Amino acid sequence: MQVLTETVSLQVYPEYKGASLMMEGEETELIFRACSGDAGARLRLVKYYLNIVVETAGIFASETGAPFDVMVQAGTMAVMRAAYGYDLSQQIAFAEVVKSEILRAMDAAIHSQLDS
């Protein structure tokens, strides 16, 4: 299933491969700018975390039968919410907040699919 998910990911989300390339210190700067309302910084963070979103979506989709694209959408929106709502004074790393939000969003999307 990993190969299939990877193939679909590359076809649907061409920026998936190499999305995690970022210069040292760039993530911290982007987080600061995103928290200050910079839409471009939020977009760059979404692209940066897209590989985690797509991989997690593939796992959720294969384990639950949930539509892959719904899981990607939920995960992408979770990264956006994290970028909007991250408190720079938190003692938890932004990456951990993002991962937690992605899992929570995908779980909620699955439950929403089951309820409808």
C-alpha atoms as a PDB file:
ATOM      1  CA  MET A   1       0.000   0.000   0.000  1.00  0.00           C
ATOM      2  CA  GLN A   2       2.925   2.384   0.653  1.00  0.00           C
ATOM      3  CA  VAL A   3       3.971   2.253  -3.013  1.00  0.00           C
ATOM      4  CA  LEU A   4       0.401   2.908  -4.174  1.00  0.00           C
ATOM      5  CA  THR A   5      -0.011   5.780  -1.732  1.00  0.00           C
ATOM      6  CA  GLU A   6       3.336   7.222  -2.801  1.00  0.00           C
ATOM      7  CA  THR A   7       2.375   6.960  -6.485  1.00  0.00           C
ATOM      8  CA  VAL A   8      -1.013   8.592  -5.936  1.00  0.00           C
ATOM      9  CA  SER A   9       0.614  11.254  -3.790  1.00  0.00           C
ATOM     10  CA  LEU A  10       3.082  12.186  -6.513  1.00  0.00           C
ATOM     11  CA  GLN A  11       0.352  12.354  -9.145  1.00  0.00           C
ATOM     12  CA  VAL A  12      -2.128  14.396  -7.123  1.00  0.00           C
ATOM     13  CA  TYR A  13       0.318  16.379  -5.019  1.00  0.00           C
ATOM     14  CA  PRO A  14       3.412  16.977  -7.196  1.00  0.00           C
ATOM     15  CA  GLU A  15       4.981  19.230  -4.550  1.00  0.00           C
ATOM     16  CA  TYR A  16       4.966  16.239  -2.152  1.00  0.00           C
ATOM     17  CA  LYS A  17       8.499  15.140  -3.031  1.00  0.00           C
ATOM     18  CA  GLY A  18      11.062  17.607  -1.797  1.00  0.00           C
ATOM     19  CA  ALA A  19       8.461  19.627   0.085  1.00  0.00           C
ATOM     20  CA  SER A  20      10.413  19.249   3.296  1.00  0.00           C
ATOM     21  CA  LEU A  21      13.483  21.062   2.010  1.00  0.00           C
ATOM     22  CA  MET A  22      14.075  24.139   4.109  1.00  0.00           C
ATOM     23  CA  MET A  23      17.159  26.062   5.078  1.00  0.00           C
ATOM     24  CA  GLU A  24      18.367  26.023   8.677  1.00  0.00           C
ATOM     25  CA  GLY A  25      16.446  28.545  10.745  1.00  0.00           C
ATOM     26  CA  GLU A  26      13.850  29.084   8.008  1.00  0.00           C
ATOM     27  CA  GLU A  27      11.133  27.156   9.846  1.00  0.00           C
ATOM     28  CA  THR A  28      11.478  29.342  12.949  1.00  0.00           C
ATOM     29  CA  GLU A  29      11.261  32.483  10.835  1.00  0.00           C
ATOM     30  CA  LEU A  30       8.235  31.129   8.954  1.00  0.00           C
ATOM     31  CA  ILE A  31       6.463  30.230  12.191  1.00  0.00           C
ATOM     32  CA  PHE A  32       7.015  33.735  13.514  1.00  0.00           C
ATOM     33  CA  ARG A  33       5.784  35.295  10.272  1.00  0.00           C
ATOM     34  CA  ALA A  34       2.783  32.940  10.058  1.00  0.00           C
ATOM     35  CA  CYS A  35       1.765  33.818  13.613  1.00  0.00           C
ATOM     36  CA  SER A  36       1.973  37.471  12.599  1.00  0.00           C
ATOM     37  CA  GLY A  37      -0.524  36.903   9.783  1.00  0.00           C
ATOM     38  CA  ASP A  38       1.790  36.348   6.804  1.00  0.00           C
ATOM     39  CA  ALA A  39      -0.223  34.193   4.365  1.00  0.00           C
ATOM     40  CA  GLY A  40       2.873  33.360   2.316  1.00  0.00           C
ATOM     41  CA  ALA A  41       4.620  31.996   5.380  1.00  0.00           C
ATOM     42  CA  ARG A  42       1.581  29.844   6.214  1.00  0.00           C
ATOM     43  CA  LEU A  43       1.563  28.474   2.673  1.00  0.00           C
ATOM     44  CA  ARG A  44       5.271  27.641   2.885  1.00  0.00           C
ATOM     45  CA  LEU A  45       4.683  25.839   6.198  1.00  0.00           C
ATOM     46  CA  VAL A  46       1.854  23.815   4.641  1.00  0.00           C
ATOM     47  CA  LYS A  47       4.165  22.804   1.791  1.00  0.00           C
ATOM     48  CA  TYR A  48       6.895  22.017   4.297  1.00  0.00           C
ATOM     49  CA  TYR A  49       4.600  19.664   6.234  1.00  0.00           C
ATOM     50  CA  LEU A  50       2.836  18.227   3.183  1.00  0.00           C
ATOM     51  CA  ASN A  51       4.974  15.101   3.243  1.00  0.00           C
ATOM     52  CA  ILE A  52       3.762  14.320   6.781  1.00  0.00           C
ATOM     53  CA  VAL A  53       0.162  15.069   5.788  1.00  0.00           C
ATOM     54  CA  VAL A  54       0.304  12.797   2.731  1.00  0.00           C
ATOM     55  CA  GLU A  55       2.037   9.941   4.538  1.00  0.00           C
ATOM     56  CA  THR A  56      -0.381  10.119   7.459  1.00  0.00           C
ATOM     57  CA  ALA A  57      -3.346  10.353   5.075  1.00  0.00           C
ATOM     58  CA  GLY A  58      -2.148   7.191   3.340  1.00  0.00           C
ATOM     59  CA  ILE A  59      -1.978   5.333   6.638  1.00  0.00           C
ATOM     60  CA  PHE A  60      -5.423   6.531   7.747  1.00  0.00           C
ATOM     61  CA  ALA A  61      -6.945   5.770   4.346  1.00  0.00           C
ATOM     62  CA  SER A  62      -5.512   2.254   4.163  1.00  0.00           C
ATOM     63  CA  GLU A  63      -6.397   1.385   7.759  1.00  0.00           C
ATOM     64  CA  THR A  64      -9.904   2.872   7.825  1.00  0.00           C
ATOM     65  CA  GLY A  65     -11.063   2.945   4.217  1.00  0.00           C
ATOM     66  CA  ALA A  66     -11.515   6.711   4.451  1.00  0.00           C
ATOM     67  CA  PRO A  67     -10.994   8.592   1.171  1.00  0.00           C
ATOM     68  CA  PHE A  68      -7.358   9.569   0.752  1.00  0.00           C
ATOM     69  CA  ASP A  69      -8.183  13.054  -0.541  1.00  0.00           C
ATOM     70  CA  VAL A  70     -10.444  13.750   2.449  1.00  0.00           C
ATOM     71  CA  MET A  71      -7.610  12.805   4.787  1.00  0.00           C
ATOM     72  CA  VAL A  72      -5.160  15.056   2.908  1.00  0.00           C
ATOM     73  CA  GLN A  73      -7.627  17.936   3.040  1.00  0.00           C
ATOM     74  CA  ALA A  74      -8.173  17.460   6.786  1.00  0.00           C
ATOM     75  CA  GLY A  75      -4.423  17.269   7.415  1.00  0.00           C
ATOM     76  CA  THR A  76      -3.657  20.326   5.299  1.00  0.00           C
ATOM     77  CA  MET A  77      -6.296  22.366   7.111  1.00  0.00           C
ATOM     78  CA  ALA A  78      -4.816  21.182  10.419  1.00  0.00           C
ATOM     79  CA  VAL A  79      -1.420  22.578   9.431  1.00  0.00           C
ATOM     80  CA  MET A  80      -3.090  25.884   8.518  1.00  0.00           C
ATOM     81  CA  ARG A  81      -4.890  26.001  11.884  1.00  0.00           C
ATOM     82  CA  ALA A  82      -1.646  25.245  13.697  1.00  0.00           C
ATOM     83  CA  ALA A  83       0.117  28.033  11.811  1.00  0.00           C
ATOM     84  CA  TYR A  84      -2.670  30.482  12.670  1.00  0.00           C
ATOM     85  CA  GLY A  85      -3.011  29.506  16.302  1.00  0.00           C
ATOM     86  CA  TYR A  86       0.486  28.625  17.436  1.00  0.00           C
ATOM     87  CA  ASP A  87       1.587  30.510  20.516  1.00  0.00           C
ATOM     88  CA  LEU A  88       5.264  31.398  20.182  1.00  0.00           C
ATOM     89  CA  SER A  89       5.647  31.250  23.971  1.00  0.00           C
ATOM     90  CA  GLN A  90       4.567  27.586  24.141  1.00  0.00           C
ATOM     91  CA  GLN A  91       7.005  25.086  25.554  1.00  0.00           C
ATOM     92  CA  ILE A  92       6.078  22.578  22.854  1.00  0.00           C
ATOM     93  CA  ALA A  93       7.706  22.547  19.427  1.00  0.00           C
ATOM     94  CA  PHE A  94       5.628  23.664  16.460  1.00  0.00           C
ATOM     95  CA  ALA A  95       6.305  20.329  14.733  1.00  0.00           C
ATOM     96  CA  GLU A  96       4.725  18.445  17.631  1.00  0.00           C
ATOM     97  CA  VAL A  97       1.677  20.724  17.583  1.00  0.00           C
ATOM     98  CA  VAL A  98       1.323  20.167  13.838  1.00  0.00           C
ATOM     99  CA  LYS A  99       1.586  16.381  14.117  1.00  0.00           C
ATOM    100  CA  SER A 100      -0.984  16.309  16.900  1.00  0.00           C
ATOM    101  CA  GLU A 101      -3.358  18.564  14.951  1.00  0.00           C
ATOM    102  CA  ILE A 102      -2.997  16.419  11.811  1.00  0.00           C
ATOM    103  CA  LEU A 103      -3.914  13.257  13.718  1.00  0.00           C
ATOM    104  CA  ARG A 104      -6.823  14.958  15.477  1.00  0.00           C
ATOM    105  CA  ALA A 105      -8.178  16.400  12.202  1.00  0.00           C
ATOM    106  CA  MET A 106      -7.986  13.107  10.344  1.00  0.00           C
ATOM    107  CA  ASP A 107      -9.658  11.278  13.212  1.00  0.00           C
ATOM    108  CA  ALA A 108     -12.447  13.880  13.227  1.00  0.00           C
ATOM    109  CA  ALA A 109     -12.842  13.570   9.444  1.00  0.00           C
ATOM    110  CA  ILE A 110     -13.212   9.801   9.750  1.00  0.00           C
ATOM    111  CA  HIS A 111     -15.863  10.170  12.447  1.00  0.00           C
ATOM    112  CA  SER A 112     -17.649  12.782  10.339  1.00  0.00           C
ATOM    113  CA  GLN A 113     -17.682  10.358   7.387  1.00  0.00           C
ATOM    114  CA  LEU A 114     -19.110   7.624   9.604  1.00  0.00           C
ATOM    115  CA  ASP A 115     -21.826   9.905  10.980  1.00  0.00           C
ATOM    116  CA  SER A 116     -23.070  10.936   7.550  1.00  0.00           C
END
